[in-house]
Amino acid sequence: PHHDATRNPYDSDRITGGSSSGSAAAVAAGICPLSVGADGGGSIRIPAGLCGIVGLKATFGRVSEHGAAPLCWSVAHIGPMGASVYDVALGYALMAGYDPKDPQTAHQPAPTLDGLGNGDLSGIRVGIYRSWFEDAEADVVAACKEGVGALEAAGAEVVDIELPQLGLLRTAHMVTIATEMWNSQRRYFPEHRKDYGLDTRMNLALAKRITGAEYVQGQRLRRRFFDRFQAAFQKCDVIATPTTSITAPAISKAAVSGGESDLTTLDRIMRYAPAANLTGHPGLSVPTGYDADGLPVGLQLMGRPWEEALLLRLGLVVESAVQRRTPVRHGHMLY
């Protein structure tokens, strides 16, 4: 409502994905090779996927949150968004590690980029939960299968895994992030209510109604799902999914002025990303192709805590197998 919608450089009538939308669009449009995103429920990986760039949400606590708005502190991550995997690896190397100004970054192994550039993936196991992986539009599934195929061609082995109750996981994440967002904003909301967009006002009003008991139950479920992902990582080294189940949807005219609450589309966009926020595992979105309309498709790779280097190594293999397309609006054409 204040500055119009951020436009997708591949199609200016399409969304960029939230909430690091400007960061994604700036990189995709060629304004800069690297930007900073914030990810509480996929907000680095989702816009990266929809805009055809690379985005990394590292392990919880890997990158300092000092200086960031304390919006949703238990699921929040700051991370790099870049034009290529190498750009994101450079950003990660600069950003990751212990910061005495953020206690959450303590007690972590030293960041590394070991293995980056090693295209031999022999011995690497890629886990796929089939019913989850294929719960997306046909073009998205096809492009992501090609990305996984590139990993197989480089020597990786695909193994089947199971991750039950993922719908409940998304609910636990929603309760967690909404409660924390409301608590971060409630001191400002009474005086600045009209400064918030209409859809944001509605979301905060709904979040206000979540009880403390529901929040606590969400945290109990959180540990259950962390353990389930850890069990899956006993059978595989990375888990592959689409980044989103659809490509960038159109911007509705009503949304520009009044905001939008389209929970069906939101669910399709956020089908895969929030799991890594709730569990704290690292996740990388890397371009893996395009749909029939030429809109980008992202492949998400999730890994064990602190194994960002492995995700970047595999992302480089996927990226090298894709013929990247220049957006319609790029560089001086953006305006």
C-alpha atoms as a PDB file:
ATOM      1  CA  PRO A   1       0.000   0.000   0.000  1.00  0.00           C
ATOM      2  CA  HIS A   2       2.947   2.358   0.508  1.00  0.00           C
ATOM      3  CA  HIS A   3       5.202   1.655  -2.471  1.00  0.00           C
ATOM      4  CA  ASP A   4       3.244  -0.709  -4.782  1.00  0.00           C
ATOM      5  CA  ALA A   5       4.082  -4.385  -5.159  1.00  0.00           C
ATOM      6  CA  THR A   6       7.596  -5.611  -5.907  1.00  0.00           C
ATOM      7  CA  ARG A   7       7.598  -6.895  -9.486  1.00  0.00           C
ATOM      8  CA  ASN A   8       9.102 -10.133 -10.731  1.00  0.00           C
ATOM      9  CA  PRO A   9      11.780  -9.398 -13.373  1.00  0.00           C
ATOM     10  CA  TYR A  10      10.626 -12.439 -15.383  1.00  0.00           C
ATOM     11  CA  ASP A  11       7.076 -11.047 -15.609  1.00  0.00           C
ATOM     12  CA  SER A  12       6.178  -7.715 -14.041  1.00  0.00           C
ATOM     13  CA  ASP A  13       2.602  -8.873 -13.488  1.00  0.00           C
ATOM     14  CA  ARG A  14       3.832 -11.675 -11.187  1.00  0.00           C
ATOM     15  CA  ILE A  15       4.817 -11.671  -7.534  1.00  0.00           C
ATOM     16  CA  THR A  16       8.393 -12.105  -6.368  1.00  0.00           C
ATOM     17  CA  GLY A  17       7.506 -14.069  -3.242  1.00  0.00           C
ATOM     18  CA  GLY A  18       7.821 -12.770   0.291  1.00  0.00           C
ATOM     19  CA  SER A  19       9.164 -11.425   2.302  1.00  0.00           C
ATOM     20  CA  SER A  20      12.667 -10.736   0.937  1.00  0.00           C
ATOM     21  CA  SER A  21      11.040  -9.705  -2.318  1.00  0.00           C
ATOM     22  CA  GLY A  22      13.136  -6.626  -3.070  1.00  0.00           C
ATOM     23  CA  SER A  23      16.354  -8.508  -2.355  1.00  0.00           C
ATOM     24  CA  ALA A  24      15.385 -11.244  -4.830  1.00  0.00           C
ATOM     25  CA  ALA A  25      14.160  -8.872  -7.535  1.00  0.00           C
ATOM     26  CA  ALA A  26      17.298  -6.720  -7.305  1.00  0.00           C
ATOM     27  CA  VAL A  27      19.558  -9.717  -7.916  1.00  0.00           C
ATOM     28  CA  ALA A  28      17.365 -11.243 -10.621  1.00  0.00           C
ATOM     29  CA  ALA A  29      17.195  -7.904 -12.440  1.00  0.00           C
ATOM     30  CA  GLY A  30      20.987  -7.599 -12.507  1.00  0.00           C
ATOM     31  CA  ILE A  31      21.170  -4.601 -10.183  1.00  0.00           C
ATOM     32  CA  CYS A  32      23.578  -6.447  -7.871  1.00  0.00           C
ATOM     33  CA  PRO A  33      25.096  -9.941  -7.667  1.00  0.00           C
ATOM     34  CA  LEU A  34      24.364 -10.417  -3.956  1.00  0.00           C
ATOM     35  CA  SER A  35      21.769  -9.260  -1.449  1.00  0.00           C
ATOM     36  CA  VAL A  36      20.690 -10.005   2.110  1.00  0.00           C
ATOM     37  CA  GLY A  37      17.441 -11.748   2.942  1.00  0.00           C
ATOM     38  CA  ALA A  38      15.535 -12.664   6.107  1.00  0.00           C
ATOM     39  CA  ASP A  39      13.867 -16.062   6.395  1.00  0.00           C
ATOM     40  CA  GLY A  40      11.297 -16.921   9.073  1.00  0.00           C
ATOM     41  CA  GLY A  41       9.145 -19.203   6.943  1.00  0.00           C
ATOM     42  CA  GLY A  42      10.937 -19.432   3.625  1.00  0.00           C
ATOM     43  CA  SER A  43      11.453 -15.738   2.954  1.00  0.00           C
ATOM     44  CA  ILE A  44      14.922 -16.211   1.461  1.00  0.00           C
ATOM     45  CA  ARG A  45      14.272 -19.440  -0.418  1.00  0.00           C
ATOM     46  CA  ILE A  46      10.779 -18.687  -1.731  1.00  0.00           C
ATOM     47  CA  PRO A  47      11.608 -15.382  -3.481  1.00  0.00           C
ATOM     48  CA  ALA A  48      14.876 -16.917  -4.687  1.00  0.00           C
ATOM     49  CA  GLY A  49      12.918 -19.777  -6.234  1.00  0.00           C
ATOM     50  CA  LEU A  50      10.255 -17.573  -7.825  1.00  0.00           C
ATOM     51  CA  CYS A  51      12.825 -15.100  -9.200  1.00  0.00           C
ATOM     52  CA  GLY A  52      15.311 -17.653 -10.546  1.00  0.00           C
ATOM     53  CA  ILE A  53      18.221 -16.918  -8.216  1.00  0.00           C
ATOM     54  CA  VAL A  54      20.012 -18.767  -5.388  1.00  0.00           C
ATOM     55  CA  GLY A  55      19.130 -18.341  -1.711  1.00  0.00           C
ATOM     56  CA  LEU A  56      20.603 -19.923   1.416  1.00  0.00           C
ATOM     57  CA  LYS A  57      18.990 -20.196   4.839  1.00  0.00           C
ATOM     58  CA  ALA A  58      21.799 -21.582   6.948  1.00  0.00           C
ATOM     59  CA  THR A  59      21.479 -23.574  10.171  1.00  0.00           C
ATOM     60  CA  PHE A  60      19.750 -21.682  12.989  1.00  0.00           C
ATOM     61  CA  GLY A  61      22.411 -19.570  14.707  1.00  0.00           C
ATOM     62  CA  ARG A  62      24.941 -19.902  11.892  1.00  0.00           C
ATOM     63  CA  VAL A  63      24.545 -16.259  10.817  1.00  0.00           C
ATOM     64  CA  SER A  64      24.242 -13.451  13.343  1.00  0.00           C
ATOM     65  CA  GLU A  65      20.869 -11.769  13.796  1.00  0.00           C
ATOM     66  CA  HIS A  66      22.467  -8.718  15.438  1.00  0.00           C
ATOM     67  CA  GLY A  67      20.958  -5.597  13.909  1.00  0.00           C
ATOM     68  CA  ALA A  68      17.993  -7.396  12.356  1.00  0.00           C
ATOM     69  CA  ALA A  69      14.454  -6.564  13.434  1.00  0.00           C
ATOM     70  CA  PRO A  70      13.484  -9.021  16.211  1.00  0.00           C
ATOM     71  CA  LEU A  71      10.361 -10.160  14.403  1.00  0.00           C
ATOM     72  CA  CYS A  72      10.209 -13.939  14.933  1.00  0.00           C
ATOM     73  CA  TRP A  73      13.278 -14.812  16.934  1.00  0.00           C
ATOM     74  CA  SER A  74      13.019 -18.608  17.217  1.00  0.00           C
ATOM     75  CA  VAL A  75      12.528 -19.265  13.492  1.00  0.00           C
ATOM     76  CA  ALA A  76      14.367 -16.266  12.012  1.00  0.00           C
ATOM     77  CA  HIS A  77      17.469 -16.463   9.837  1.00  0.00           C
ATOM     78  CA  ILE A  78      19.528 -13.887   7.929  1.00  0.00           C
ATOM     79  CA  GLY A  79      21.257 -15.132   4.793  1.00  0.00           C
ATOM     80  CA  PRO A  80      22.647 -14.435   1.337  1.00  0.00           C
ATOM     81  CA  MET A  81      20.732 -14.305  -1.937  1.00  0.00           C
ATOM     82  CA  GLY A  82      22.802 -14.303  -5.109  1.00  0.00           C
ATOM     83  CA  ALA A  83      22.926 -14.612  -8.862  1.00  0.00           C
ATOM     84  CA  SER A  84      24.846 -17.889  -8.618  1.00  0.00           C
ATOM     85  CA  VAL A  85      25.853 -20.546  -6.125  1.00  0.00           C
ATOM     86  CA  TYR A  86      29.386 -19.117  -6.023  1.00  0.00           C
ATOM     87  CA  ASP A  87      27.992 -15.664  -5.172  1.00  0.00           C
ATOM     88  CA  VAL A  88      25.947 -17.143  -2.333  1.00  0.00           C
ATOM     89  CA  ALA A  89      28.939 -19.169  -1.134  1.00  0.00           C
ATOM     90  CA  LEU A  90      30.970 -15.950  -0.978  1.00  0.00           C
ATOM     91  CA  GLY A  91      28.203 -14.208   0.953  1.00  0.00           C
ATOM     92  CA  TYR A  92      27.893 -17.157   3.326  1.00  0.00           C
ATOM     93  CA  ALA A  93      31.649 -17.221   3.956  1.00  0.00           C
ATOM     94  CA  LEU A  94      31.538 -13.529   4.904  1.00  0.00           C
ATOM     95  CA  MET A  95      28.392 -13.718   7.048  1.00  0.00           C
ATOM     96  CA  ALA A  96      28.592 -17.038   8.899  1.00  0.00           C
ATOM     97  CA  GLY A  97      30.237 -17.767  12.223  1.00  0.00           C
ATOM     98  CA  TYR A  98      30.368 -16.609  15.816  1.00  0.00           C
ATOM     99  CA  ASP A  99      29.343 -13.057  16.667  1.00  0.00           C
ATOM    100  CA  PRO A 100      29.783 -11.974  20.319  1.00  0.00           C
ATOM    101  CA  LYS A 101      26.828  -9.619  19.821  1.00  0.00           C
ATOM    102  CA  ASP A 102      24.512 -12.575  19.175  1.00  0.00           C
ATOM    103  CA  PRO A 103      24.658 -15.396  21.766  1.00  0.00           C
ATOM    104  CA  GLN A 104      22.737 -17.687  19.392  1.00  0.00           C
ATOM    105  CA  THR A 105      25.858 -17.946  17.241  1.00  0.00           C
ATOM    106  CA  ALA A 106      27.978 -19.465  20.019  1.00  0.00           C
ATOM    107  CA  HIS A 107      28.982 -23.140  20.205  1.00  0.00           C
ATOM    108  CA  GLN A 108      29.056 -23.836  16.474  1.00  0.00           C
ATOM    109  CA  PRO A 109      31.715 -25.508  14.331  1.00  0.00           C
ATOM    110  CA  ALA A 110      33.733 -23.200  12.112  1.00  0.00           C
ATOM    111  CA  PRO A 111      32.061 -22.446   8.771  1.00  0.00           C
ATOM    112  CA  THR A 112      33.697 -24.098   5.798  1.00  0.00           C
ATOM    113  CA  LEU A 113      33.340 -24.367   2.039  1.00  0.00           C
ATOM    114  CA  ASP A 114      35.163 -27.675   1.846  1.00  0.00           C
ATOM    115  CA  GLY A 115      34.291 -29.620  -1.284  1.00  0.00           C
ATOM    116  CA  LEU A 116      32.796 -26.686  -3.184  1.00  0.00           C
ATOM    117  CA  GLY A 117      33.553 -27.278  -6.837  1.00  0.00           C
ATOM    118  CA  ASN A 118      33.935 -31.043  -6.436  1.00  0.00           C
ATOM    119  CA  GLY A 119      31.401 -32.320  -8.934  1.00  0.00           C
ATOM    120  CA  ASP A 120      31.893 -35.987  -8.085  1.00  0.00           C
ATOM    121  CA  LEU A 121      28.925 -36.832  -5.861  1.00  0.00           C
ATOM    122  CA  SER A 122      29.686 -40.522  -5.482  1.00  0.00           C
ATOM    123  CA  GLY A 123      28.546 -41.705  -2.064  1.00  0.00           C
ATOM    124  CA  ILE A 124      26.108 -38.816  -1.532  1.00  0.00           C
ATOM    125  CA  ARG A 125      22.536 -39.933  -0.816  1.00  0.00           C
ATOM    126  CA  VAL A 126      19.646 -37.667  -1.839  1.00  0.00           C
ATOM    127  CA  GLY A 127      16.473 -38.369   0.123  1.00  0.00           C
ATOM    128  CA  ILE A 128      13.057 -37.892  -1.452  1.00  0.00           C
ATOM    129  CA  TYR A 129       9.682 -38.271   0.222  1.00  0.00           C
ATOM    130  CA  ARG A 130       7.749 -38.993  -2.961  1.00  0.00           C
ATOM    131  CA  SER A 131       4.272 -37.871  -1.944  1.00  0.00           C
ATOM    132  CA  TRP A 132       5.707 -34.562  -0.662  1.00  0.00           C
ATOM    133  CA  PHE A 133       8.054 -34.002  -3.605  1.00  0.00           C
ATOM    134  CA  GLU A 134       5.286 -34.565  -6.138  1.00  0.00           C
ATOM    135  CA  ASP A 135       2.655 -32.437  -4.372  1.00  0.00           C
ATOM    136  CA  ALA A 136       3.241 -29.588  -6.821  1.00  0.00           C
ATOM    137  CA  GLU A 137       2.317 -28.427 -10.313  1.00  0.00           C
ATOM    138  CA  ALA A 138       3.414 -30.762 -13.093  1.00  0.00           C
ATOM    139  CA  ASP A 139       5.960 -28.300 -14.557  1.00  0.00           C
ATOM    140  CA  VAL A 140       7.483 -27.752 -11.117  1.00  0.00           C
ATOM    141  CA  VAL A 141       7.784 -31.482 -10.438  1.00  0.00           C
ATOM    142  CA  ALA A 142       9.288 -32.102 -13.874  1.00  0.00           C
ATOM    143  CA  ALA A 143      11.916 -29.377 -13.492  1.00  0.00           C
ATOM    144  CA  CYS A 144      12.831 -30.534  -9.985  1.00  0.00           C
ATOM    145  CA  LYS A 145      13.181 -34.116 -11.189  1.00  0.00           C
ATOM    146  CA  GLU A 146      15.629 -32.845 -13.790  1.00  0.00           C
ATOM    147  CA  GLY A 147      17.603 -31.175 -11.011  1.00  0.00           C
ATOM    148  CA  VAL A 148      17.699 -34.407  -9.043  1.00  0.00           C
ATOM    149  CA  GLY A 149      18.674 -36.155 -12.269  1.00  0.00           C
ATOM    150  CA  ALA A 150      21.701 -33.872 -12.538  1.00  0.00           C
ATOM    151  CA  LEU A 151      22.736 -34.969  -9.052  1.00  0.00           C
ATOM    152  CA  GLU A 152      22.329 -38.615 -10.039  1.00  0.00           C
ATOM    153  CA  ALA A 153      24.368 -38.064 -13.197  1.00  0.00           C
ATOM    154  CA  ALA A 154      27.160 -36.712 -10.978  1.00  0.00           C
ATOM    155  CA  GLY A 155      27.145 -39.912  -8.934  1.00  0.00           C
ATOM    156  CA  ALA A 156      24.599 -39.273  -6.179  1.00  0.00           C
ATOM    157  CA  GLU A 157      22.165 -41.992  -5.112  1.00  0.00           C
ATOM    158  CA  VAL A 158      18.460 -41.243  -4.675  1.00  0.00           C
ATOM    159  CA  VAL A 159      16.827 -42.961  -1.694  1.00  0.00           C
ATOM    160  CA  ASP A 160      13.210 -42.957  -0.549  1.00  0.00           C
ATOM    161  CA  ILE A 161      12.417 -41.510   2.879  1.00  0.00           C
ATOM    162  CA  GLU A 162       9.257 -40.810   4.875  1.00  0.00           C
ATOM    163  CA  LEU A 163       8.355 -37.680   6.816  1.00  0.00           C
ATOM    164  CA  PRO A 164       4.850 -38.084   8.272  1.00  0.00           C
ATOM    165  CA  GLN A 165       2.436 -35.373   9.468  1.00  0.00           C
ATOM    166  CA  LEU A 166       3.913 -32.521   7.423  1.00  0.00           C
ATOM    167  CA  GLY A 167       0.571 -30.711   7.515  1.00  0.00           C
ATOM    168  CA  LEU A 168       0.814 -30.657  11.293  1.00  0.00           C
ATOM    169  CA  LEU A 169       4.383 -29.380  10.977  1.00  0.00           C
ATOM    170  CA  ARG A 170       3.190 -26.395   8.936  1.00  0.00           C
ATOM    171  CA  THR A 171       0.522 -25.674  11.549  1.00  0.00           C
ATOM    172  CA  ALA A 172       3.097 -25.766  14.356  1.00  0.00           C
ATOM    173  CA  HIS A 173       5.268 -23.365  12.358  1.00  0.00           C
ATOM    174  CA  MET A 174       2.375 -21.014  11.686  1.00  0.00           C
ATOM    175  CA  VAL A 175       1.430 -20.876  15.363  1.00  0.00           C
ATOM    176  CA  THR A 176       5.066 -20.226  16.287  1.00  0.00           C
ATOM    177  CA  ILE A 177       5.845 -17.483  13.776  1.00  0.00           C
ATOM    178  CA  ALA A 178       2.473 -15.730  14.089  1.00  0.00           C
ATOM    179  CA  THR A 179       2.672 -15.587  17.895  1.00  0.00           C
ATOM    180  CA  GLU A 180       6.215 -14.232  17.821  1.00  0.00           C
ATOM    181  CA  MET A 181       5.363 -11.654  15.134  1.00  0.00           C
ATOM    182  CA  TRP A 182       2.421 -10.380  17.148  1.00  0.00           C
ATOM    183  CA  ASN A 183       4.514 -10.099  20.287  1.00  0.00           C
ATOM    184  CA  SER A 184       7.214  -8.214  18.382  1.00  0.00           C
ATOM    185  CA  GLN A 185       4.681  -5.697  17.039  1.00  0.00           C
ATOM    186  CA  ARG A 186       2.159  -5.239  19.842  1.00  0.00           C
ATOM    187  CA  ARG A 187       4.013  -2.304  21.394  1.00  0.00           C
ATOM    188  CA  TYR A 188       3.766  -0.384  18.093  1.00  0.00           C
ATOM    189  CA  PHE A 189       0.405  -1.586  16.829  1.00  0.00           C
ATOM    190  CA  PRO A 190      -1.994   0.641  18.812  1.00  0.00           C
ATOM    191  CA  GLU A 191      -0.303   3.890  17.752  1.00  0.00           C
ATOM    192  CA  HIS A 192       0.657   2.829  14.217  1.00  0.00           C
ATOM    193  CA  ARG A 193      -2.212   0.553  13.279  1.00  0.00           C
ATOM    194  CA  LYS A 194      -3.048   2.480  10.108  1.00  0.00           C
ATOM    195  CA  ASP A 195       0.564   2.396   8.958  1.00  0.00           C
ATOM    196  CA  TYR A 196       0.325  -1.378   8.497  1.00  0.00           C
ATOM    197  CA  GLY A 197      -1.157  -2.805   5.308  1.00  0.00           C
ATOM    198  CA  LEU A 198      -4.691  -4.155   5.596  1.00  0.00           C
ATOM    199  CA  ASP A 199      -3.583  -7.767   5.140  1.00  0.00           C
ATOM    200  CA  THR A 200      -0.878  -7.330   7.789  1.00  0.00           C
ATOM    201  CA  ARG A 201      -3.438  -5.884  10.195  1.00  0.00           C
ATOM    202  CA  MET A 202      -5.657  -8.908   9.638  1.00  0.00           C
ATOM    203  CA  ASN A 203      -2.791 -11.358  10.135  1.00  0.00           C
ATOM    204  CA  LEU A 204      -1.759  -9.674  13.377  1.00  0.00           C
ATOM    205  CA  ALA A 205      -5.366  -9.680  14.605  1.00  0.00           C
ATOM    206  CA  LEU A 206      -5.552 -13.427  13.975  1.00  0.00           C
ATOM    207  CA  ALA A 207      -2.169 -13.999  15.620  1.00  0.00           C
ATOM    208  CA  LYS A 208      -3.340 -12.122  18.695  1.00  0.00           C
ATOM    209  CA  ARG A 209      -5.974 -14.809  19.258  1.00  0.00           C
ATOM    210  CA  ILE A 210      -3.457 -17.680  19.487  1.00  0.00           C
ATOM    211  CA  THR A 211      -3.216 -18.816  23.103  1.00  0.00           C
ATOM    212  CA  GLY A 212      -0.137 -19.468  25.167  1.00  0.00           C
ATOM    213  CA  ALA A 213      -1.122 -23.130  25.438  1.00  0.00           C
ATOM    214  CA  GLU A 214      -1.236 -23.409  21.637  1.00  0.00           C
ATOM    215  CA  TYR A 215       2.193 -21.816  21.344  1.00  0.00           C
ATOM    216  CA  VAL A 216       3.639 -24.245  23.890  1.00  0.00           C
ATOM    217  CA  GLN A 217       2.088 -27.191  22.080  1.00  0.00           C
ATOM    218  CA  GLY A 218       3.708 -25.938  18.874  1.00  0.00           C
ATOM    219  CA  GLN A 219       7.102 -26.047  20.582  1.00  0.00           C
ATOM    220  CA  ARG A 220       6.494 -29.609  21.803  1.00  0.00           C
ATOM    221  CA  LEU A 221       5.686 -30.670  18.247  1.00  0.00           C
ATOM    222  CA  ARG A 222       8.772 -28.820  17.075  1.00  0.00           C
ATOM    223  CA  ARG A 223      11.070 -31.234  18.875  1.00  0.00           C
ATOM    224  CA  ARG A 224       9.151 -34.180  17.452  1.00  0.00           C
ATOM    225  CA  PHE A 225       9.682 -32.956  13.895  1.00  0.00           C
ATOM    226  CA  PHE A 226      13.348 -32.162  14.486  1.00  0.00           C
ATOM    227  CA  ASP A 227      13.853 -35.746  15.605  1.00  0.00           C
ATOM    228  CA  ARG A 228      12.020 -37.043  12.544  1.00  0.00           C
ATOM    229  CA  PHE A 229      14.217 -35.072  10.172  1.00  0.00           C
ATOM    230  CA  GLN A 230      17.301 -36.198  12.043  1.00  0.00           C
ATOM    231  CA  ALA A 231      16.123 -39.803  11.638  1.00  0.00           C
ATOM    232  CA  ALA A 232      15.666 -39.199   7.911  1.00  0.00           C
ATOM    233  CA  PHE A 233      19.229 -37.896   7.729  1.00  0.00           C
ATOM    234  CA  GLN A 234      20.411 -41.274   8.978  1.00  0.00           C
ATOM    235  CA  LYS A 235      19.257 -42.629   5.621  1.00  0.00           C
ATOM    236  CA  CYS A 236      20.365 -39.725   3.419  1.00  0.00           C
ATOM    237  CA  ASP A 237      22.744 -36.763   3.335  1.00  0.00           C
ATOM    238  CA  VAL A 238      20.369 -34.185   1.859  1.00  0.00           C
ATOM    239  CA  ILE A 239      16.608 -33.983   1.330  1.00  0.00           C
ATOM    240  CA  ALA A 240      15.350 -32.666  -2.008  1.00  0.00           C
ATOM    241  CA  THR A 241      11.999 -30.938  -2.592  1.00  0.00           C
ATOM    242  CA  PRO A 242      10.676 -28.212  -4.856  1.00  0.00           C
ATOM    243  CA  THR A 243      11.170 -24.780  -3.301  1.00  0.00           C
ATOM    244  CA  THR A 244       7.510 -23.944  -3.978  1.00  0.00           C
ATOM    245  CA  SER A 245       4.690 -26.031  -5.414  1.00  0.00           C
ATOM    246  CA  ILE A 246       3.820 -23.360  -8.001  1.00  0.00           C
ATOM    247  CA  THR A 247       5.698 -20.754  -9.998  1.00  0.00           C
ATOM    248  CA  ALA A 248       5.121 -17.047  -9.387  1.00  0.00           C
ATOM    249  CA  PRO A 249       1.380 -16.277  -9.392  1.00  0.00           C
ATOM    250  CA  ALA A 250      -0.106 -13.088 -10.793  1.00  0.00           C
ATOM    251  CA  ILE A 251      -0.416  -9.950  -8.666  1.00  0.00           C
ATOM    252  CA  SER A 252      -4.113  -9.259  -8.144  1.00  0.00           C
ATOM    253  CA  LYS A 253      -5.158  -5.674  -8.754  1.00  0.00           C
ATOM    254  CA  ALA A 254      -6.983  -5.546  -5.437  1.00  0.00           C
ATOM    255  CA  ALA A 255      -3.875  -6.676  -3.541  1.00  0.00           C
ATOM    256  CA  VAL A 256      -1.869  -3.608  -4.567  1.00  0.00           C
ATOM    257  CA  SER A 257      -4.094  -1.203  -2.635  1.00  0.00           C
ATOM    258  CA  GLY A 258      -5.839  -3.368  -0.080  1.00  0.00           C
ATOM    259  CA  GLY A 259      -3.572  -6.317   0.513  1.00  0.00           C
ATOM    260  CA  GLU A 260      -4.499  -9.927  -0.056  1.00  0.00           C
ATOM    261  CA  SER A 261      -5.407 -12.959   2.020  1.00  0.00           C
ATOM    262  CA  ASP A 262      -5.335 -15.967  -0.290  1.00  0.00           C
ATOM    263  CA  LEU A 263      -4.587 -18.872   2.020  1.00  0.00           C
ATOM    264  CA  THR A 264      -4.895 -21.490  -0.732  1.00  0.00           C
ATOM    265  CA  THR A 265      -2.146 -19.880  -2.803  1.00  0.00           C
ATOM    266  CA  LEU A 266      -0.105 -19.142   0.318  1.00  0.00           C
ATOM    267  CA  ASP A 267      -0.210 -22.822   1.245  1.00  0.00           C
ATOM    268  CA  ARG A 268       1.015 -23.788  -2.231  1.00  0.00           C
ATOM    269  CA  ILE A 269       3.853 -21.287  -2.037  1.00  0.00           C
ATOM    270  CA  MET A 270       4.849 -22.313   1.515  1.00  0.00           C
ATOM    271  CA  ARG A 271       4.408 -26.077   1.149  1.00  0.00           C
ATOM    272  CA  TYR A 272       8.105 -26.917   1.503  1.00  0.00           C
ATOM    273  CA  ALA A 273      10.096 -24.072   3.058  1.00  0.00           C
ATOM    274  CA  PRO A 274       8.794 -23.722   6.676  1.00  0.00           C
ATOM    275  CA  ALA A 275      10.025 -27.162   7.744  1.00  0.00           C
ATOM    276  CA  ALA A 276      13.623 -25.923   7.853  1.00  0.00           C
ATOM    277  CA  ASN A 277      12.589 -22.911   9.933  1.00  0.00           C
ATOM    278  CA  LEU A 278      10.802 -25.012  12.524  1.00  0.00           C
ATOM    279  CA  THR A 279      13.641 -27.551  12.805  1.00  0.00           C
ATOM    280  CA  GLY A 280      16.559 -25.154  12.197  1.00  0.00           C
ATOM    281  CA  HIS A 281      18.094 -27.280   9.437  1.00  0.00           C
ATOM    282  CA  PRO A 282      19.856 -25.475   6.576  1.00  0.00           C
ATOM    283  CA  GLY A 283      18.089 -25.091   3.236  1.00  0.00           C
ATOM    284  CA  LEU A 284      19.237 -23.926  -0.199  1.00  0.00           C
ATOM    285  CA  SER A 285      17.094 -22.936  -3.176  1.00  0.00           C
ATOM    286  CA  VAL A 286      18.799 -23.235  -6.558  1.00  0.00           C
ATOM    287  CA  PRO A 287      17.323 -22.651 -10.038  1.00  0.00           C
ATOM    288  CA  THR A 288      16.438 -25.912 -11.762  1.00  0.00           C
ATOM    289  CA  GLY A 289      14.480 -24.832 -14.838  1.00  0.00           C
ATOM    290  CA  TYR A 290      11.350 -23.043 -16.021  1.00  0.00           C
ATOM    291  CA  ASP A 291       7.670 -23.742 -16.511  1.00  0.00           C
ATOM    292  CA  ALA A 292       5.760 -23.496 -19.810  1.00  0.00           C
ATOM    293  CA  ASP A 293       5.401 -19.726 -19.328  1.00  0.00           C
ATOM    294  CA  GLY A 294       9.130 -19.223 -18.807  1.00  0.00           C
ATOM    295  CA  LEU A 295       8.823 -18.638 -15.058  1.00  0.00           C
ATOM    296  CA  PRO A 296      11.648 -19.962 -12.852  1.00  0.00           C
ATOM    297  CA  VAL A 297      11.434 -23.143 -10.794  1.00  0.00           C
ATOM    298  CA  GLY A 298      13.593 -23.674  -7.707  1.00  0.00           C
ATOM    299  CA  LEU A 299      14.869 -26.916  -6.198  1.00  0.00           C
ATOM    300  CA  GLN A 300      15.293 -26.932  -2.412  1.00  0.00           C
ATOM    301  CA  LEU A 301      18.043 -28.954  -0.754  1.00  0.00           C
ATOM    302  CA  MET A 302      17.928 -29.416   3.030  1.00  0.00           C
ATOM    303  CA  GLY A 303      20.850 -30.742   5.054  1.00  0.00           C
ATOM    304  CA  ARG A 304      22.051 -31.667   8.509  1.00  0.00           C
ATOM    305  CA  PRO A 305      22.955 -28.858  10.924  1.00  0.00           C
ATOM    306  CA  TRP A 306      26.154 -27.018   9.946  1.00  0.00           C
ATOM    307  CA  GLU A 307      26.471 -28.810   6.556  1.00  0.00           C
ATOM    308  CA  GLU A 308      25.874 -25.789   4.355  1.00  0.00           C
ATOM    309  CA  ALA A 309      29.007 -26.570   2.346  1.00  0.00           C
ATOM    310  CA  LEU A 310      27.460 -29.824   1.143  1.00  0.00           C
ATOM    311  CA  LEU A 311      24.284 -28.038   0.041  1.00  0.00           C
ATOM    312  CA  LEU A 312      26.313 -25.478  -1.893  1.00  0.00           C
ATOM    313  CA  ARG A 313      28.374 -28.247  -3.491  1.00  0.00           C
ATOM    314  CA  LEU A 314      25.226 -30.016  -4.710  1.00  0.00           C
ATOM    315  CA  GLY A 315      23.612 -26.728  -5.697  1.00  0.00           C
ATOM    316  CA  LEU A 316      26.532 -25.997  -7.980  1.00  0.00           C
ATOM    317  CA  VAL A 317      25.948 -29.297  -9.777  1.00  0.00           C
ATOM    318  CA  VAL A 318      22.245 -28.518 -10.265  1.00  0.00           C
ATOM    319  CA  GLU A 319      22.983 -24.970 -11.400  1.00  0.00           C
ATOM    320  CA  SER A 320      25.558 -26.093 -13.957  1.00  0.00           C
ATOM    321  CA  ALA A 321      22.976 -28.373 -15.604  1.00  0.00           C
ATOM    322  CA  VAL A 322      20.472 -25.548 -16.222  1.00  0.00           C
ATOM    323  CA  GLN A 323      20.516 -23.166 -19.164  1.00  0.00           C
ATOM    324  CA  ARG A 324      19.736 -19.924 -17.331  1.00  0.00           C
ATOM    325  CA  ARG A 325      17.458 -17.399 -19.043  1.00  0.00           C
ATOM    326  CA  THR A 326      17.831 -13.633 -18.718  1.00  0.00           C
ATOM    327  CA  PRO A 327      14.692 -12.013 -17.243  1.00  0.00           C
ATOM    328  CA  VAL A 328      12.543  -9.758 -19.397  1.00  0.00           C
ATOM    329  CA  ARG A 329      13.493  -6.842 -17.153  1.00  0.00           C
ATOM    330  CA  HIS A 330      17.223  -6.855 -16.584  1.00  0.00           C
ATOM    331  CA  GLY A 331      19.778  -4.142 -15.861  1.00  0.00           C
ATOM    332  CA  HIS A 332      18.877  -0.824 -17.470  1.00  0.00           C
ATOM    333  CA  MET A 333      15.562  -2.298 -18.681  1.00  0.00           C
ATOM    334  CA  LEU A 334      14.199  -2.578 -15.152  1.00  0.00           C
ATOM    335  CA  TYR A 335      12.694   0.903 -15.254  1.00  0.00           C
END
